Amino acid sequence: MSENKLALTTQLIIKDFSLENNDLPEGISKIDELKIALKKIVSYLLDRDMSRLLLALYRIDVSEQKVKKVLAEAEPGKIADSITDLIIERELQKVETRLKYRNQ
């Protein structure tokens, strides 16, 4: 993934979660770094503010069916990982779509 796509994806996540810019580390250069940082936020919200997490997932437009499947089928320790993957996947799709149509 290009650094530009990663930076745009990170900015979308910050916007959609209503985060401060410093809630995710600056200079994220790899998708794995973004996953680790976002997983901490998702884990926190799962434990302490599920309504805020669900609102963010709605805002991001993560498939409700996919979220329900993760919540029903994933091992408790893997739920945050799976939701984090869904978030990044969807935000990346939006970035790629925007870049595609911006260049036309």
C-alpha atoms as a PDB file:
ATOM      1  CA  MET A   1       0.000   0.000   0.000  1.00  0.00           C
ATOM      2  CA  SER A   2       1.292   3.440  -0.838  1.00  0.00           C
ATOM      3  CA  GLU A   3       2.069   5.925   1.902  1.00  0.00           C
ATOM      4  CA  ASN A   4      -0.521   8.290   0.423  1.00  0.00           C
ATOM      5  CA  LYS A   5      -3.313   5.698   0.706  1.00  0.00           C
ATOM      6  CA  LEU A   6      -2.227   4.824   4.233  1.00  0.00           C
ATOM      7  CA  ALA A   7      -2.179   8.484   5.267  1.00  0.00           C
ATOM      8  CA  LEU A   8      -5.612   9.101   3.745  1.00  0.00           C
ATOM      9  CA  THR A   9      -6.998   5.979   5.416  1.00  0.00           C
ATOM     10  CA  THR A  10      -5.592   7.090   8.764  1.00  0.00           C
ATOM     11  CA  GLN A  11      -7.170  10.536   8.361  1.00  0.00           C
ATOM     12  CA  LEU A  12     -10.562   8.988   7.538  1.00  0.00           C
ATOM     13  CA  ILE A  13     -10.366   6.820  10.642  1.00  0.00           C
ATOM     14  CA  ILE A  14      -9.529   9.858  12.776  1.00  0.00           C
ATOM     15  CA  LYS A  15     -12.491  11.741  11.308  1.00  0.00           C
ATOM     16  CA  ASP A  16     -14.995   8.887  11.538  1.00  0.00           C
ATOM     17  CA  PHE A  17     -14.081   8.020  15.129  1.00  0.00           C
ATOM     18  CA  SER A  18     -14.008  11.714  16.101  1.00  0.00           C
ATOM     19  CA  LEU A  19     -10.461  11.224  17.374  1.00  0.00           C
ATOM     20  CA  GLU A  20      -7.845  13.827  18.065  1.00  0.00           C
ATOM     21  CA  ASN A  21      -4.891  13.726  15.675  1.00  0.00           C
ATOM     22  CA  ASN A  22      -2.651  12.491  18.483  1.00  0.00           C
ATOM     23  CA  ASP A  23      -4.930   9.522  19.326  1.00  0.00           C
ATOM     24  CA  LEU A  24      -3.219   7.604  16.540  1.00  0.00           C
ATOM     25  CA  PRO A  25       0.581   7.852  16.422  1.00  0.00           C
ATOM     26  CA  GLU A  26       2.076  10.183  13.847  1.00  0.00           C
ATOM     27  CA  GLY A  27       4.198   8.800  11.085  1.00  0.00           C
ATOM     28  CA  ILE A  28       2.390   5.500  10.625  1.00  0.00           C
ATOM     29  CA  SER A  29       4.194   3.994   7.661  1.00  0.00           C
ATOM     30  CA  LYS A  30       2.856   0.439   7.583  1.00  0.00           C
ATOM     31  CA  ILE A  31      -0.607  -1.057   7.680  1.00  0.00           C
ATOM     32  CA  ASP A  32       0.442  -3.239  10.619  1.00  0.00           C
ATOM     33  CA  GLU A  33       1.268  -0.140  12.672  1.00  0.00           C
ATOM     34  CA  LEU A  34      -2.184   1.271  11.923  1.00  0.00           C
ATOM     35  CA  LYS A  35      -3.820  -2.035  12.918  1.00  0.00           C
ATOM     36  CA  ILE A  36      -1.980  -2.133  16.244  1.00  0.00           C
ATOM     37  CA  ALA A  37      -2.871   1.474  17.100  1.00  0.00           C
ATOM     38  CA  LEU A  38      -6.501   1.149  15.991  1.00  0.00           C
ATOM     39  CA  LYS A  39      -6.937  -2.165  17.800  1.00  0.00           C
ATOM     40  CA  LYS A  40      -6.170  -0.408  21.096  1.00  0.00           C
ATOM     41  CA  ILE A  41      -8.941   2.104  20.423  1.00  0.00           C
ATOM     42  CA  VAL A  42     -11.404  -0.588  19.318  1.00  0.00           C
ATOM     43  CA  SER A  43     -10.617  -2.707  22.397  1.00  0.00           C
ATOM     44  CA  TYR A  44     -11.163   0.266  24.673  1.00  0.00           C
ATOM     45  CA  LEU A  45     -14.489   1.081  23.027  1.00  0.00           C
ATOM     46  CA  LEU A  46     -15.615  -2.555  23.133  1.00  0.00           C
ATOM     47  CA  ASP A  47     -15.020  -2.594  26.872  1.00  0.00           C
ATOM     48  CA  ARG A  48     -16.168   0.882  27.844  1.00  0.00           C
ATOM     49  CA  ASP A  49     -18.229   2.627  25.146  1.00  0.00           C
ATOM     50  CA  MET A  50     -19.936   0.179  22.802  1.00  0.00           C
ATOM     51  CA  SER A  51     -22.417   2.799  21.587  1.00  0.00           C
ATOM     52  CA  ARG A  52     -19.580   5.051  20.383  1.00  0.00           C
ATOM     53  CA  LEU A  53     -18.006   2.089  18.581  1.00  0.00           C
ATOM     54  CA  LEU A  54     -21.288   1.174  16.908  1.00  0.00           C
ATOM     55  CA  LEU A  55     -21.840   4.795  15.887  1.00  0.00           C
ATOM     56  CA  ALA A  56     -18.363   4.900  14.325  1.00  0.00           C
ATOM     57  CA  LEU A  57     -18.974   1.616  12.497  1.00  0.00           C
ATOM     58  CA  TYR A  58     -22.233   3.048  11.150  1.00  0.00           C
ATOM     59  CA  ARG A  59     -20.488   6.259  10.098  1.00  0.00           C
ATOM     60  CA  ILE A  60     -17.732   4.271   8.387  1.00  0.00           C
ATOM     61  CA  ASP A  61     -20.382   2.115   6.701  1.00  0.00           C
ATOM     62  CA  VAL A  62     -19.006  -1.233   7.831  1.00  0.00           C
ATOM     63  CA  SER A  63     -21.461  -3.964   6.901  1.00  0.00           C
ATOM     64  CA  GLU A  64     -23.822  -4.634   9.799  1.00  0.00           C
ATOM     65  CA  GLN A  65     -23.923  -8.312   8.809  1.00  0.00           C
ATOM     66  CA  LYS A  66     -20.140  -8.593   9.033  1.00  0.00           C
ATOM     67  CA  VAL A  67     -20.089  -6.934  12.454  1.00  0.00           C
ATOM     68  CA  LYS A  68     -22.854  -9.193  13.752  1.00  0.00           C
ATOM     69  CA  LYS A  69     -20.987 -12.223  12.431  1.00  0.00           C
ATOM     70  CA  VAL A  70     -17.781 -11.159  14.189  1.00  0.00           C
ATOM     71  CA  LEU A  71     -19.609 -10.512  17.458  1.00  0.00           C
ATOM     72  CA  ALA A  72     -21.389 -13.865  17.270  1.00  0.00           C
ATOM     73  CA  GLU A  73     -18.629 -16.123  16.006  1.00  0.00           C
ATOM     74  CA  ALA A  74     -15.219 -14.705  16.889  1.00  0.00           C
ATOM     75  CA  GLU A  75     -13.363 -15.785  19.993  1.00  0.00           C
ATOM     76  CA  PRO A  76     -13.582 -13.079  22.672  1.00  0.00           C
ATOM     77  CA  GLY A  77      -9.887 -12.250  22.357  1.00  0.00           C
ATOM     78  CA  LYS A  78     -10.147 -11.867  18.576  1.00  0.00           C
ATOM     79  CA  ILE A  79     -13.178  -9.559  18.319  1.00  0.00           C
ATOM     80  CA  ALA A  80     -11.127  -6.346  18.412  1.00  0.00           C
ATOM     81  CA  ASP A  81      -8.749  -7.732  15.748  1.00  0.00           C
ATOM     82  CA  SER A  82     -11.611  -8.658  13.455  1.00  0.00           C
ATOM     83  CA  ILE A  83     -13.444  -5.350  13.859  1.00  0.00           C
ATOM     84  CA  THR A  84     -10.192  -3.460  13.290  1.00  0.00           C
ATOM     85  CA  ASP A  85      -9.675  -5.380  10.039  1.00  0.00           C
ATOM     86  CA  LEU A  86     -13.239  -4.553   8.918  1.00  0.00           C
ATOM     87  CA  ILE A  87     -12.704  -0.852   9.648  1.00  0.00           C
ATOM     88  CA  ILE A  88      -9.411  -0.630   7.785  1.00  0.00           C
ATOM     89  CA  GLU A  89     -10.777  -2.639   4.858  1.00  0.00           C
ATOM     90  CA  ARG A  90     -13.788  -0.329   4.474  1.00  0.00           C
ATOM     91  CA  GLU A  91     -11.855   2.906   4.920  1.00  0.00           C
ATOM     92  CA  LEU A  92      -9.283   1.737   2.374  1.00  0.00           C
ATOM     93  CA  GLN A  93     -12.084   0.966  -0.101  1.00  0.00           C
ATOM     94  CA  LYS A  94     -13.372   4.511   0.311  1.00  0.00           C
ATOM     95  CA  VAL A  95      -9.892   5.986  -0.216  1.00  0.00           C
ATOM     96  CA  GLU A  96      -9.327   3.914  -3.356  1.00  0.00           C
ATOM     97  CA  THR A  97     -12.724   4.905  -4.759  1.00  0.00           C
ATOM     98  CA  ARG A  98     -12.068   8.586  -4.098  1.00  0.00           C
ATOM     99  CA  LEU A  99      -8.632   8.413  -5.706  1.00  0.00           C
ATOM    100  CA  LYS A 100     -10.024   6.564  -8.714  1.00  0.00           C
ATOM    101  CA  TYR A 101     -12.726   9.141  -9.401  1.00  0.00           C
ATOM    102  CA  ARG A 102     -10.520  12.115  -8.558  1.00  0.00           C
ATOM    103  CA  ASN A 103      -8.152  11.077 -11.346  1.00  0.00           C
ATOM    104  CA  GLN A 104     -10.857  10.789 -13.989  1.00  0.00           C
END
